[in-house]
Amino acid sequence: QVQLVESGGGLVQAGGSLRLSCAASGRTPSNYYWGWFRQAPGKERKFVGRMTWSGVNTVYADSVKGRFTISRDNAENTMYLQMNSLKPEDTAVYYCAADPLLARVVAGTADYWGQGTQVTVSS
């Protein structure tokens, strides 16, 4: 089993920045894919970005391109989501996810999920 714990959420003004962390424990095969998703109040969960755990490839949703960046610290088994130029529409609970199959990460049906961290962006 893989356990994921998100942290770093909070309240920030529009235009501000925030960095989320996703700490992984348990068995993490080298070919796992990792992703960030978010769910706004009353909305369905949506894809934000993804990467291989090695960090070779990263892909972002159009809504966050140029503003959000995924990175990792392999020594700490942690993935980060750096969020800049935040907008009120970025307000959501943010989740990290992991799965050995890329297709399940893309589909939002990954095997492993964190509990989420709240990000609130004020106008």
PDB file of N, CA and C in Angstrom:
ATOM      1  N   GLN A   1       0.829  -1.191   0.000  1.00  0.00           N
ATOM      2  CA  GLN A   1       0.000   0.000   0.000  1.00  0.00           C
ATOM      3  C   GLN A   1       0.870   1.249   0.000  1.00  0.00           C
ATOM      4  N   VAL A   2       0.355   2.285  -0.644  1.00  0.00           N
ATOM      5  CA  VAL A   2       0.993   3.585  -0.656  1.00  0.00           C
ATOM      6  C   VAL A   2       0.104   4.544   0.127  1.00  0.00           C
ATOM      7  N   GLN A   3       0.699   5.288   1.039  1.00  0.00           N
ATOM      8  CA  GLN A   3      -0.026   6.297   1.791  1.00  0.00           C
ATOM      9  C   GLN A   3       0.422   7.682   1.346  1.00  0.00           C
ATOM     10  N   LEU A   4      -0.537   8.574   1.135  1.00  0.00           N
ATOM     11  CA  LEU A   4      -0.260   9.923   0.681  1.00  0.00           C
ATOM     12  C   LEU A   4      -0.868  10.922   1.657  1.00  0.00           C
ATOM     13  N   VAL A   5      -0.110  11.948   2.006  1.00  0.00           N
ATOM     14  CA  VAL A   5      -0.580  12.986   2.912  1.00  0.00           C
ATOM     15  C   VAL A   5      -0.269  14.343   2.314  1.00  0.00           C
ATOM     16  N   GLU A   6      -1.312  15.141   2.060  1.00  0.00           N
ATOM     17  CA  GLU A   6      -1.137  16.492   1.545  1.00  0.00           C
ATOM     18  C   GLU A   6      -0.999  17.481   2.697  1.00  0.00           C
ATOM     19  N   SER A   7      -0.293  18.565   2.435  1.00  0.00           N
ATOM     20  CA  SER A   7      -0.189  19.653   3.390  1.00  0.00           C
ATOM     21  C   SER A   7       0.127  20.939   2.632  1.00  0.00           C
ATOM     22  N   GLY A   8       0.006  22.065   3.308  1.00  0.00           N
ATOM     23  CA  GLY A   8       0.372  23.338   2.724  1.00  0.00           C
ATOM     24  C   GLY A   8      -0.781  24.208   2.281  1.00  0.00           C
ATOM     25  N   GLY A   9      -2.005  23.720   2.394  1.00  0.00           N
ATOM     26  CA  GLY A   9      -3.148  24.529   2.014  1.00  0.00           C
ATOM     27  C   GLY A   9      -3.382  25.665   2.988  1.00  0.00           C
ATOM     28  N   GLY A  10      -4.239  26.593   2.583  1.00  0.00           N
ATOM     29  CA  GLY A  10      -4.544  27.728   3.429  1.00  0.00           C
ATOM     30  C   GLY A  10      -5.276  28.805   2.679  1.00  0.00           C
ATOM     31  N   LEU A  11      -5.340  29.973   3.279  1.00  0.00           N
ATOM     32  CA  LEU A  11      -6.012  31.132   2.704  1.00  0.00           C
ATOM     33  C   LEU A  11      -4.977  32.080   2.129  1.00  0.00           C
ATOM     34  N   VAL A  12      -5.196  32.510   0.894  1.00  0.00           N
ATOM     35  CA  VAL A  12      -4.275  33.419   0.234  1.00  0.00           C
ATOM     36  C   VAL A  12      -5.069  34.397  -0.624  1.00  0.00           C
ATOM     37  N   GLN A  13      -4.551  35.602  -0.782  1.00  0.00           N
ATOM     38  CA  GLN A  13      -5.199  36.587  -1.632  1.00  0.00           C
ATOM     39  C   GLN A  13      -4.913  36.315  -3.099  1.00  0.00           C
ATOM     40  N   ALA A  14      -5.825  36.743  -3.955  1.00  0.00           N
ATOM     41  CA  ALA A  14      -5.620  36.608  -5.389  1.00  0.00           C
ATOM     42  C   ALA A  14      -4.289  37.225  -5.792  1.00  0.00           C
ATOM     43  N   GLY A  15      -3.569  36.515  -6.656  1.00  0.00           N
ATOM     44  CA  GLY A  15      -2.252  36.948  -7.075  1.00  0.00           C
ATOM     45  C   GLY A  15      -1.134  36.397  -6.224  1.00  0.00           C
ATOM     46  N   GLY A  16      -1.473  35.786  -5.114  1.00  0.00           N
ATOM     47  CA  GLY A  16      -0.484  35.234  -4.223  1.00  0.00           C
ATOM     48  C   GLY A  16      -0.030  33.846  -4.631  1.00  0.00           C
ATOM     49  N   SER A  17       0.816  33.260  -3.799  1.00  0.00           N
ATOM     50  CA  SER A  17       1.401  31.956  -4.084  1.00  0.00           C
ATOM     51  C   SER A  17       1.243  31.024  -2.897  1.00  0.00           C
ATOM     52  N   LEU A  18       1.273  29.741  -3.194  1.00  0.00           N
ATOM     53  CA  LEU A  18       1.168  28.719  -2.174  1.00  0.00           C
ATOM     54  C   LEU A  18       1.861  27.470  -2.697  1.00  0.00           C
ATOM     55  N   ARG A  19       2.506  26.721  -1.821  1.00  0.00           N
ATOM     56  CA  ARG A  19       3.122  25.465  -2.205  1.00  0.00           C
ATOM     57  C   ARG A  19       2.517  24.320  -1.420  1.00  0.00           C
ATOM     58  N   LEU A  20       1.968  23.357  -2.136  1.00  0.00           N
ATOM     59  CA  LEU A  20       1.406  22.166  -1.530  1.00  0.00           C
ATOM     60  C   LEU A  20       2.421  21.037  -1.565  1.00  0.00           C
ATOM     61  N   SER A  21       2.365  20.178  -0.556  1.00  0.00           N
ATOM     62  CA  SER A  21       3.235  19.019  -0.482  1.00  0.00           C
ATOM     63  C   SER A  21       2.405  17.755  -0.441  1.00  0.00           C
ATOM     64  N   CYS A  22       2.927  16.707  -1.032  1.00  0.00           N
ATOM     65  CA  CYS A  22       2.318  15.388  -0.981  1.00  0.00           C
ATOM     66  C   CYS A  22       3.403  14.410  -0.572  1.00  0.00           C
ATOM     67  N   ALA A  23       3.353  13.970   0.664  1.00  0.00           N
ATOM     68  CA  ALA A  23       4.349  13.052   1.191  1.00  0.00           C
ATOM     69  C   ALA A  23       3.868  11.619   1.034  1.00  0.00           C
ATOM     70  N   ALA A  24       4.710  10.786   0.460  1.00  0.00           N
ATOM     71  CA  ALA A  24       4.362   9.393   0.198  1.00  0.00           C
ATOM     72  C   ALA A  24       5.136   8.461   1.116  1.00  0.00           C
ATOM     73  N   SER A  25       4.468   7.425   1.565  1.00  0.00           N
ATOM     74  CA  SER A  25       5.113   6.365   2.323  1.00  0.00           C
ATOM     75  C   SER A  25       4.617   5.025   1.814  1.00  0.00           C
ATOM     76  N   GLY A  26       5.298   3.960   2.205  1.00  0.00           N
ATOM     77  CA  GLY A  26       4.964   2.651   1.690  1.00  0.00           C
ATOM     78  C   GLY A  26       5.701   2.371   0.392  1.00  0.00           C
ATOM     79  N   ARG A  27       5.320   1.305  -0.268  1.00  0.00           N
ATOM     80  CA  ARG A  27       5.995   0.891  -1.494  1.00  0.00           C
ATOM     81  C   ARG A  27       5.625   1.803  -2.652  1.00  0.00           C
ATOM     82  N   THR A  28       6.633   2.353  -3.279  1.00  0.00           N
ATOM     83  CA  THR A  28       6.432   3.255  -4.410  1.00  0.00           C
ATOM     84  C   THR A  28       7.289   2.779  -5.574  1.00  0.00           C
ATOM     85  N   PRO A  29       6.737   1.954  -6.454  1.00  0.00           N
ATOM     86  CA  PRO A  29       7.495   1.485  -7.619  1.00  0.00           C
ATOM     87  C   PRO A  29       7.998   2.646  -8.460  1.00  0.00           C
ATOM     88  N   SER A  30       9.116   2.429  -9.108  1.00  0.00           N
ATOM     89  CA  SER A  30       9.758   3.496  -9.858  1.00  0.00           C
ATOM     90  C   SER A  30       8.928   3.982 -11.034  1.00  0.00           C
ATOM     91  N   ASN A  31       7.996   3.157 -11.519  1.00  0.00           N
ATOM     92  CA  ASN A  31       7.196   3.539 -12.677  1.00  0.00           C
ATOM     93  C   ASN A  31       5.820   4.093 -12.311  1.00  0.00           C
ATOM     94  N   TYR A  32       5.598   4.418 -11.049  1.00  0.00           N
ATOM     95  CA  TYR A  32       4.330   5.037 -10.649  1.00  0.00           C
ATOM     96  C   TYR A  32       4.172   6.411 -11.283  1.00  0.00           C
ATOM     97  N   TYR A  33       2.932   6.768 -11.572  1.00  0.00           N
ATOM     98  CA  TYR A  33       2.582   8.104 -11.993  1.00  0.00           C
ATOM     99  C   TYR A  33       1.915   8.832 -10.840  1.00  0.00           C
ATOM    100  N   TRP A  34       2.152  10.133 -10.761  1.00  0.00           N
ATOM    101  CA  TRP A  34       1.643  10.945  -9.667  1.00  0.00           C
ATOM    102  C   TRP A  34       0.875  12.129 -10.231  1.00  0.00           C
ATOM    103  N   GLY A  35      -0.204  12.488  -9.556  1.00  0.00           N
ATOM    104  CA  GLY A  35      -1.010  13.582 -10.062  1.00  0.00           C
ATOM    105  C   GLY A  35      -1.591  14.453  -8.969  1.00  0.00           C
ATOM    106  N   TRP A  36      -1.982  15.652  -9.368  1.00  0.00           N
ATOM    107  CA  TRP A  36      -2.712  16.586  -8.515  1.00  0.00           C
ATOM    108  C   TRP A  36      -4.093  16.819  -9.114  1.00  0.00           C
ATOM    109  N   PHE A  37      -5.099  16.819  -8.253  1.00  0.00           N
ATOM    110  CA  PHE A  37      -6.467  17.084  -8.636  1.00  0.00           C
ATOM    111  C   PHE A  37      -7.064  18.084  -7.664  1.00  0.00           C
ATOM    112  N   ARG A  38      -8.165  18.693  -8.054  1.00  0.00           N
ATOM    113  CA  ARG A  38      -8.844  19.608  -7.150  1.00  0.00           C
ATOM    114  C   ARG A  38     -10.347  19.493  -7.320  1.00  0.00           C
ATOM    115  N   GLN A  39     -11.063  19.798  -6.252  1.00  0.00           N
ATOM    116  CA  GLN A  39     -12.510  19.743  -6.256  1.00  0.00           C
ATOM    117  C   GLN A  39     -13.063  20.978  -5.566  1.00  0.00           C
ATOM    118  N   ALA A  40     -13.715  21.824  -6.342  1.00  0.00           N
ATOM    119  CA  ALA A  40     -14.338  23.024  -5.811  1.00  0.00           C
ATOM    120  C   ALA A  40     -15.699  22.672  -5.219  1.00  0.00           C
ATOM    121  N   PRO A  41     -16.219  23.508  -4.319  1.00  0.00           N
ATOM    122  CA  PRO A  41     -17.526  23.226  -3.719  1.00  0.00           C
ATOM    123  C   PRO A  41     -18.608  23.036  -4.776  1.00  0.00           C
ATOM    124  N   GLY A  42     -19.340  21.935  -4.685  1.00  0.00           N
ATOM    125  CA  GLY A  42     -20.410  21.652  -5.615  1.00  0.00           C
ATOM    126  C   GLY A  42     -19.965  21.222  -6.992  1.00  0.00           C
ATOM    127  N   LYS A  43     -18.668  21.016  -7.191  1.00  0.00           N
ATOM    128  CA  LYS A  43     -18.142  20.640  -8.496  1.00  0.00           C
ATOM    129  C   LYS A  43     -17.497  19.261  -8.445  1.00  0.00           C
ATOM    130  N   GLU A  44     -17.302  18.673  -9.624  1.00  0.00           N
ATOM    131  CA  GLU A  44     -16.611  17.399  -9.715  1.00  0.00           C
ATOM    132  C   GLU A  44     -15.105  17.607  -9.605  1.00  0.00           C
ATOM    133  N   ARG A  45     -14.415  16.569  -9.191  1.00  0.00           N
ATOM    134  CA  ARG A  45     -12.967  16.619  -9.095  1.00  0.00           C
ATOM    135  C   ARG A  45     -12.354  16.741 -10.485  1.00  0.00           C
ATOM    136  N   LYS A  46     -11.371  17.628 -10.628  1.00  0.00           N
ATOM    137  CA  LYS A  46     -10.756  17.876 -11.914  1.00  0.00           C
ATOM    138  C   LYS A  46      -9.244  17.703 -11.863  1.00  0.00           C
ATOM    139  N   PHE A  47      -8.692  17.334 -12.995  1.00  0.00           N
ATOM    140  CA  PHE A  47      -7.261  17.155 -13.154  1.00  0.00           C
ATOM    141  C   PHE A  47      -6.538  18.493 -13.104  1.00  0.00           C
ATOM    142  N   VAL A  48      -5.421  18.535 -12.395  1.00  0.00           N
ATOM    143  CA  VAL A  48      -4.576  19.719 -12.322  1.00  0.00           C
ATOM    144  C   VAL A  48      -3.241  19.485 -13.033  1.00  0.00           C
ATOM    145  N   GLY A  49      -2.577  18.404 -12.699  1.00  0.00           N
ATOM    146  CA  GLY A  49      -1.298  18.090 -13.311  1.00  0.00           C
ATOM    147  C   GLY A  49      -0.836  16.705 -12.920  1.00  0.00           C
ATOM    148  N   ARG A  50       0.162  16.207 -13.626  1.00  0.00           N
ATOM    149  CA  ARG A  50       0.682  14.881 -13.318  1.00  0.00           C
ATOM    150  C   ARG A  50       2.166  14.807 -13.660  1.00  0.00           C
ATOM    151  N   MET A  51       2.825  13.789 -13.124  1.00  0.00           N
ATOM    152  CA  MET A  51       4.227  13.543 -13.419  1.00  0.00           C
ATOM    153  C   MET A  51       4.566  12.100 -13.097  1.00  0.00           C
ATOM    154  N   THR A  52       5.631  11.603 -13.709  1.00  0.00           N
ATOM    155  CA  THR A  52       6.214  10.369 -13.216  1.00  0.00           C
ATOM    156  C   THR A  52       6.932  10.701 -11.916  1.00  0.00           C
ATOM    157  N   TRP A  53       7.073   9.716 -11.023  1.00  0.00           N
ATOM    158  CA  TRP A  53       7.756   9.993  -9.768  1.00  0.00           C
ATOM    159  C   TRP A  53       9.194  10.420 -10.010  1.00  0.00           C
ATOM    160  N   SER A  54       9.788   9.965 -11.104  1.00  0.00           N
ATOM    161  CA  SER A  54      11.136  10.384 -11.450  1.00  0.00           C
ATOM    162  C   SER A  54      11.190  11.835 -11.907  1.00  0.00           C
ATOM    163  N   GLY A  55      10.046  12.399 -12.253  1.00  0.00           N
ATOM    164  CA  GLY A  55       9.990  13.777 -12.701  1.00  0.00           C
ATOM    165  C   GLY A  55      10.380  13.992 -14.149  1.00  0.00           C
ATOM    166  N   VAL A  56      10.492  12.921 -14.922  1.00  0.00           N
ATOM    167  CA  VAL A  56      10.896  13.041 -16.311  1.00  0.00           C
ATOM    168  C   VAL A  56       9.854  13.783 -17.130  1.00  0.00           C
ATOM    169  N   ASN A  57       8.587  13.490 -16.891  1.00  0.00           N
ATOM    170  CA  ASN A  57       7.504  14.095 -17.656  1.00  0.00           C
ATOM    171  C   ASN A  57       6.500  14.765 -16.735  1.00  0.00           C
ATOM    172  N   THR A  58       6.090  15.970 -17.104  1.00  0.00           N
ATOM    173  CA  THR A  58       5.028  16.667 -16.390  1.00  0.00           C
ATOM    174  C   THR A  58       4.007  17.177 -17.392  1.00  0.00           C
ATOM    175  N   VAL A  59       2.738  17.125 -17.010  1.00  0.00           N
ATOM    176  CA  VAL A  59       1.637  17.582 -17.842  1.00  0.00           C
ATOM    177  C   VAL A  59       0.685  18.370 -16.961  1.00  0.00           C
ATOM    178  N   TYR A  60       0.165  19.491 -17.489  1.00  0.00           N
ATOM    179  CA  TYR A  60      -0.708  20.359 -16.719  1.00  0.00           C
ATOM    180  C   TYR A  60      -2.015  20.622 -17.444  1.00  0.00           C
ATOM    181  N   ALA A  61      -3.064  20.837 -16.673  1.00  0.00           N
ATOM    182  CA  ALA A  61      -4.318  21.294 -17.247  1.00  0.00           C
ATOM    183  C   ALA A  61      -4.134  22.695 -17.816  1.00  0.00           C
ATOM    184  N   ASP A  62      -4.888  23.002 -18.870  1.00  0.00           N
ATOM    185  CA  ASP A  62      -4.775  24.317 -19.495  1.00  0.00           C
ATOM    186  C   ASP A  62      -5.048  25.449 -18.505  1.00  0.00           C
ATOM    187  N   SER A  63      -5.924  25.206 -17.556  1.00  0.00           N
ATOM    188  CA  SER A  63      -6.316  26.240 -16.619  1.00  0.00           C
ATOM    189  C   SER A  63      -5.194  26.678 -15.685  1.00  0.00           C
ATOM    190  N   VAL A  64      -4.149  25.860 -15.554  1.00  0.00           N
ATOM    191  CA  VAL A  64      -3.072  26.184 -14.621  1.00  0.00           C
ATOM    192  C   VAL A  64      -1.716  26.315 -15.301  1.00  0.00           C
ATOM    193  N   LYS A  65      -1.634  26.083 -16.593  1.00  0.00           N
ATOM    194  CA  LYS A  65      -0.362  26.186 -17.300  1.00  0.00           C
ATOM    195  C   LYS A  65       0.241  27.577 -17.135  1.00  0.00           C
ATOM    196  N   GLY A  66       1.525  27.596 -16.850  1.00  0.00           N
ATOM    197  CA  GLY A  66       2.224  28.849 -16.655  1.00  0.00           C
ATOM    198  C   GLY A  66       2.113  29.409 -15.258  1.00  0.00           C
ATOM    199  N   ARG A  67       1.242  28.837 -14.438  1.00  0.00           N
ATOM    200  CA  ARG A  67       1.053  29.298 -13.066  1.00  0.00           C
ATOM    201  C   ARG A  67       1.437  28.251 -12.032  1.00  0.00           C
ATOM    202  N   PHE A  68       1.168  26.990 -12.328  1.00  0.00           N
ATOM    203  CA  PHE A  68       1.447  25.895 -11.395  1.00  0.00           C
ATOM    204  C   PHE A  68       2.622  25.070 -11.901  1.00  0.00           C
ATOM    205  N   THR A  69       3.427  24.565 -10.979  1.00  0.00           N
ATOM    206  CA  THR A  69       4.570  23.736 -11.323  1.00  0.00           C
ATOM    207  C   THR A  69       4.667  22.555 -10.373  1.00  0.00           C
ATOM    208  N   ILE A  70       4.802  21.362 -10.934  1.00  0.00           N
ATOM    209  CA  ILE A  70       4.985  20.155 -10.142  1.00  0.00           C
ATOM    210  C   ILE A  70       6.475  19.833 -10.059  1.00  0.00           C
ATOM    211  N   SER A  71       6.933  19.497  -8.880  1.00  0.00           N
ATOM    212  CA  SER A  71       8.311  19.079  -8.680  1.00  0.00           C
ATOM    213  C   SER A  71       8.338  17.991  -7.617  1.00  0.00           C
ATOM    214  N   ARG A  72       9.519  17.466  -7.344  1.00  0.00           N
ATOM    215  CA  ARG A  72       9.617  16.403  -6.352  1.00  0.00           C
ATOM    216  C   ARG A  72      10.941  16.457  -5.616  1.00  0.00           C
ATOM    217  N   ASP A  73      10.959  15.837  -4.456  1.00  0.00           N
ATOM    218  CA  ASP A  73      12.166  15.620  -3.681  1.00  0.00           C
ATOM    219  C   ASP A  73      12.223  14.121  -3.441  1.00  0.00           C
ATOM    220  N   ASN A  74      13.007  13.432  -4.241  1.00  0.00           N
ATOM    221  CA  ASN A  74      13.048  11.978  -4.158  1.00  0.00           C
ATOM    222  C   ASN A  74      13.554  11.485  -2.802  1.00  0.00           C
ATOM    223  N   ALA A  75      14.496  12.196  -2.225  1.00  0.00           N
ATOM    224  CA  ALA A  75      15.044  11.789  -0.935  1.00  0.00           C
ATOM    225  C   ALA A  75      13.978  11.801   0.154  1.00  0.00           C
ATOM    226  N   GLU A  76      13.015  12.713   0.038  1.00  0.00           N
ATOM    227  CA  GLU A  76      11.952  12.825   1.031  1.00  0.00           C
ATOM    228  C   GLU A  76      10.654  12.178   0.563  1.00  0.00           C
ATOM    229  N   ASN A  77      10.654  11.564  -0.614  1.00  0.00           N
ATOM    230  CA  ASN A  77       9.458  10.942  -1.175  1.00  0.00           C
ATOM    231  C   ASN A  77       8.283  11.910  -1.171  1.00  0.00           C
ATOM    232  N   THR A  78       8.535  13.109  -1.641  1.00  0.00           N
ATOM    233  CA  THR A  78       7.545  14.170  -1.599  1.00  0.00           C
ATOM    234  C   THR A  78       7.392  14.829  -2.963  1.00  0.00           C
ATOM    235  N   MET A  79       6.139  15.055  -3.361  1.00  0.00           N
ATOM    236  CA  MET A  79       5.823  15.794  -4.567  1.00  0.00           C
ATOM    237  C   MET A  79       5.259  17.140  -4.158  1.00  0.00           C
ATOM    238  N   TYR A  80       5.582  18.176  -4.914  1.00  0.00           N
ATOM    239  CA  TYR A  80       5.132  19.522  -4.611  1.00  0.00           C
ATOM    240  C   TYR A  80       4.294  20.086  -5.744  1.00  0.00           C
ATOM    241  N   LEU A  81       3.390  20.967  -5.379  1.00  0.00           N
ATOM    242  CA  LEU A  81       2.647  21.754  -6.344  1.00  0.00           C
ATOM    243  C   LEU A  81       2.840  23.218  -5.976  1.00  0.00           C
ATOM    244  N   GLN A  82       3.683  23.904  -6.739  1.00  0.00           N
ATOM    245  CA  GLN A  82       3.898  25.328  -6.542  1.00  0.00           C
ATOM    246  C   GLN A  82       2.837  26.082  -7.326  1.00  0.00           C
ATOM    247  N   MET A  83       2.046  26.879  -6.639  1.00  0.00           N
ATOM    248  CA  MET A  83       0.945  27.605  -7.248  1.00  0.00           C
ATOM    249  C   MET A  83       1.217  29.100  -7.156  1.00  0.00           C
ATOM    250  N   ASN A  84       1.336  29.740  -8.301  1.00  0.00           N
ATOM    251  CA  ASN A  84       1.572  31.174  -8.378  1.00  0.00           C
ATOM    252  C   ASN A  84       0.409  31.860  -9.073  1.00  0.00           C
ATOM    253  N   SER A  85       0.329  33.165  -8.908  1.00  0.00           N
ATOM    254  CA  SER A  85      -0.729  33.965  -9.539  1.00  0.00           C
ATOM    255  C   SER A  85      -2.096  33.354  -9.302  1.00  0.00           C
ATOM    256  N   LEU A  86      -2.375  33.028  -8.069  1.00  0.00           N
ATOM    257  CA  LEU A  86      -3.615  32.341  -7.731  1.00  0.00           C
ATOM    258  C   LEU A  86      -4.835  33.213  -7.999  1.00  0.00           C
ATOM    259  N   LYS A  87      -5.898  32.560  -8.434  1.00  0.00           N
ATOM    260  CA  LYS A  87      -7.160  33.199  -8.753  1.00  0.00           C
ATOM    261  C   LYS A  87      -8.254  32.639  -7.861  1.00  0.00           C
ATOM    262  N   PRO A  88      -9.331  33.391  -7.637  1.00  0.00           N
ATOM    263  CA  PRO A  88     -10.437  32.854  -6.832  1.00  0.00           C
ATOM    264  C   PRO A  88     -10.962  31.521  -7.345  1.00  0.00           C
ATOM    265  N   GLU A  89     -10.947  31.310  -8.657  1.00  0.00           N
ATOM    266  CA  GLU A  89     -11.426  30.054  -9.205  1.00  0.00           C
ATOM    267  C   GLU A  89     -10.508  28.875  -8.914  1.00  0.00           C
ATOM    268  N   ASP A  90      -9.335  29.129  -8.345  1.00  0.00           N
ATOM    269  CA  ASP A  90      -8.465  28.056  -7.896  1.00  0.00           C
ATOM    270  C   ASP A  90      -8.893  27.502  -6.544  1.00  0.00           C
ATOM    271  N   THR A  91      -9.842  28.139  -5.899  1.00  0.00           N
ATOM    272  CA  THR A  91     -10.324  27.683  -4.603  1.00  0.00           C
ATOM    273  C   THR A  91     -10.897  26.275  -4.723  1.00  0.00           C
ATOM    274  N   ALA A  92     -10.380  25.362  -3.928  1.00  0.00           N
ATOM    275  CA  ALA A  92     -10.792  23.964  -3.996  1.00  0.00           C
ATOM    276  C   ALA A  92     -10.063  23.175  -2.925  1.00  0.00           C
ATOM    277  N   VAL A  93     -10.502  21.943  -2.734  1.00  0.00           N
ATOM    278  CA  VAL A  93      -9.717  20.976  -1.992  1.00  0.00           C
ATOM    279  C   VAL A  93      -8.785  20.301  -2.986  1.00  0.00           C
ATOM    280  N   TYR A  94      -7.505  20.299  -2.680  1.00  0.00           N
ATOM    281  CA  TYR A  94      -6.508  19.724  -3.569  1.00  0.00           C
ATOM    282  C   TYR A  94      -6.079  18.361  -3.072  1.00  0.00           C
ATOM    283  N   TYR A  95      -6.041  17.397  -3.984  1.00  0.00           N
ATOM    284  CA  TYR A  95      -5.686  16.021  -3.678  1.00  0.00           C
ATOM    285  C   TYR A  95      -4.487  15.584  -4.505  1.00  0.00           C
ATOM    286  N   CYS A  96      -3.625  14.782  -3.922  1.00  0.00           N
ATOM    287  CA  CYS A  96      -2.608  14.103  -4.710  1.00  0.00           C
ATOM    288  C   CYS A  96      -3.011  12.644  -4.870  1.00  0.00           C
ATOM    289  N   ALA A  97      -2.534  12.032  -5.936  1.00  0.00           N
ATOM    290  CA  ALA A  97      -2.903  10.666  -6.269  1.00  0.00           C
ATOM    291  C   ALA A  97      -1.722   9.944  -6.890  1.00  0.00           C
ATOM    292  N   ALA A  98      -1.734   8.622  -6.790  1.00  0.00           N
ATOM    293  CA  ALA A  98      -0.667   7.810  -7.362  1.00  0.00           C
ATOM    294  C   ALA A  98      -1.225   6.498  -7.885  1.00  0.00           C
ATOM    295  N   ASP A  99      -0.638   6.011  -8.963  1.00  0.00           N
ATOM    296  CA  ASP A  99      -1.065   4.757  -9.569  1.00  0.00           C
ATOM    297  C   ASP A  99       0.018   4.263 -10.511  1.00  0.00           C
ATOM    298  N   PRO A 100       0.187   2.946 -10.627  1.00  0.00           N
ATOM    299  CA  PRO A 100       1.164   2.435 -11.586  1.00  0.00           C
ATOM    300  C   PRO A 100       0.745   2.595 -13.038  1.00  0.00           C
ATOM    301  N   LEU A 101      -0.540   2.871 -13.291  1.00  0.00           N
ATOM    302  CA  LEU A 101      -1.038   3.010 -14.650  1.00  0.00           C
ATOM    303  C   LEU A 101      -1.361   4.459 -14.946  1.00  0.00           C
ATOM    304  N   LEU A 102      -0.741   4.997 -15.989  1.00  0.00           N
ATOM    305  CA  LEU A 102      -0.991   6.368 -16.390  1.00  0.00           C
ATOM    306  C   LEU A 102      -2.463   6.616 -16.680  1.00  0.00           C
ATOM    307  N   ALA A 103      -3.111   5.659 -17.322  1.00  0.00           N
ATOM    308  CA  ALA A 103      -4.502   5.845 -17.722  1.00  0.00           C
ATOM    309  C   ALA A 103      -5.407   6.097 -16.520  1.00  0.00           C
ATOM    310  N   ARG A 104      -5.136   5.427 -15.403  1.00  0.00           N
ATOM    311  CA  ARG A 104      -5.975   5.638 -14.232  1.00  0.00           C
ATOM    312  C   ARG A 104      -5.729   6.996 -13.594  1.00  0.00           C
ATOM    313  N   VAL A 105      -4.492   7.481 -13.660  1.00  0.00           N
ATOM    314  CA  VAL A 105      -4.224   8.824 -13.162  1.00  0.00           C
ATOM    315  C   VAL A 105      -4.945   9.855 -14.020  1.00  0.00           C
ATOM    316  N   VAL A 106      -4.839   9.716 -15.332  1.00  0.00           N
ATOM    317  CA  VAL A 106      -5.500  10.641 -16.252  1.00  0.00           C
ATOM    318  C   VAL A 106      -7.009  10.637 -16.036  1.00  0.00           C
ATOM    319  N   ALA A 107      -7.577   9.459 -15.800  1.00  0.00           N
ATOM    320  CA  ALA A 107      -9.013   9.317 -15.637  1.00  0.00           C
ATOM    321  C   ALA A 107      -9.508   9.737 -14.264  1.00  0.00           C
ATOM    322  N   GLY A 108      -8.600  10.005 -13.341  1.00  0.00           N
ATOM    323  CA  GLY A 108      -9.005  10.356 -11.993  1.00  0.00           C
ATOM    324  C   GLY A 108      -9.441   9.175 -11.160  1.00  0.00           C
ATOM    325  N   THR A 109      -9.005   7.976 -11.548  1.00  0.00           N
ATOM    326  CA  THR A 109      -9.370   6.767 -10.827  1.00  0.00           C
ATOM    327  C   THR A 109      -8.139   6.068 -10.280  1.00  0.00           C
ATOM    328  N   ALA A 110      -7.154   6.820  -9.876  1.00  0.00           N
ATOM    329  CA  ALA A 110      -5.921   6.268  -9.329  1.00  0.00           C
ATOM    330  C   ALA A 110      -6.187   5.422  -8.090  1.00  0.00           C
ATOM    331  N   ASP A 111      -5.304   4.468  -7.856  1.00  0.00           N
ATOM    332  CA  ASP A 111      -5.466   3.568  -6.717  1.00  0.00           C
ATOM    333  C   ASP A 111      -5.296   4.258  -5.373  1.00  0.00           C
ATOM    334  N   TYR A 112      -4.429   5.269  -5.317  1.00  0.00           N
ATOM    335  CA  TYR A 112      -4.069   5.869  -4.038  1.00  0.00           C
ATOM    336  C   TYR A 112      -4.322   7.367  -4.049  1.00  0.00           C
ATOM    337  N   TRP A 113      -4.950   7.847  -2.974  1.00  0.00           N
ATOM    338  CA  TRP A 113      -5.297   9.257  -2.826  1.00  0.00           C
ATOM    339  C   TRP A 113      -4.982   9.748  -1.422  1.00  0.00           C
ATOM    340  N   GLY A 114      -4.600  11.016  -1.328  1.00  0.00           N
ATOM    341  CA  GLY A 114      -4.499  11.653  -0.037  1.00  0.00           C
ATOM    342  C   GLY A 114      -5.860  12.138   0.422  1.00  0.00           C
ATOM    343  N   GLN A 115      -5.899  12.716   1.618  1.00  0.00           N
ATOM    344  CA  GLN A 115      -7.155  13.180   2.196  1.00  0.00           C
ATOM    345  C   GLN A 115      -7.547  14.576   1.733  1.00  0.00           C
ATOM    346  N   GLY A 116      -6.638  15.282   1.103  1.00  0.00           N
ATOM    347  CA  GLY A 116      -6.933  16.596   0.583  1.00  0.00           C
ATOM    348  C   GLY A 116      -6.504  17.718   1.507  1.00  0.00           C
ATOM    349  N   THR A 117      -6.215  18.867   0.913  1.00  0.00           N
ATOM    350  CA  THR A 117      -5.896  20.065   1.665  1.00  0.00           C
ATOM    351  C   THR A 117      -6.622  21.249   1.038  1.00  0.00           C
ATOM    352  N   GLN A 118      -7.235  22.076   1.869  1.00  0.00           N
ATOM    353  CA  GLN A 118      -8.071  23.171   1.391  1.00  0.00           C
ATOM    354  C   GLN A 118      -7.227  24.366   0.971  1.00  0.00           C
ATOM    355  N   VAL A 119      -7.497  24.869  -0.223  1.00  0.00           N
ATOM    356  CA  VAL A 119      -6.903  26.107  -0.709  1.00  0.00           C
ATOM    357  C   VAL A 119      -8.037  27.096  -0.969  1.00  0.00           C
ATOM    358  N   THR A 120      -7.967  28.248  -0.340  1.00  0.00           N
ATOM    359  CA  THR A 120      -8.976  29.279  -0.520  1.00  0.00           C
ATOM    360  C   THR A 120      -8.302  30.557  -0.992  1.00  0.00           C
ATOM    361  N   VAL A 121      -8.741  31.064  -2.135  1.00  0.00           N
ATOM    362  CA  VAL A 121      -8.171  32.273  -2.711  1.00  0.00           C
ATOM    363  C   VAL A 121      -9.220  33.368  -2.646  1.00  0.00           C
ATOM    364  N   SER A 122      -8.932  34.424  -1.923  1.00  0.00           N
ATOM    365  CA  SER A 122      -9.865  35.530  -1.766  1.00  0.00           C
ATOM    366  C   SER A 122      -9.655  36.573  -2.856  1.00  0.00           C
ATOM    367  N   SER A 123     -10.723  37.311  -3.167  1.00  0.00           N
ATOM    368  CA  SER A 123     -10.662  38.338  -4.196  1.00  0.00           C
ATOM    369  C   SER A 123      -9.956  39.583  -3.690  1.00  0.00           C
TER     370      SER A 123
END
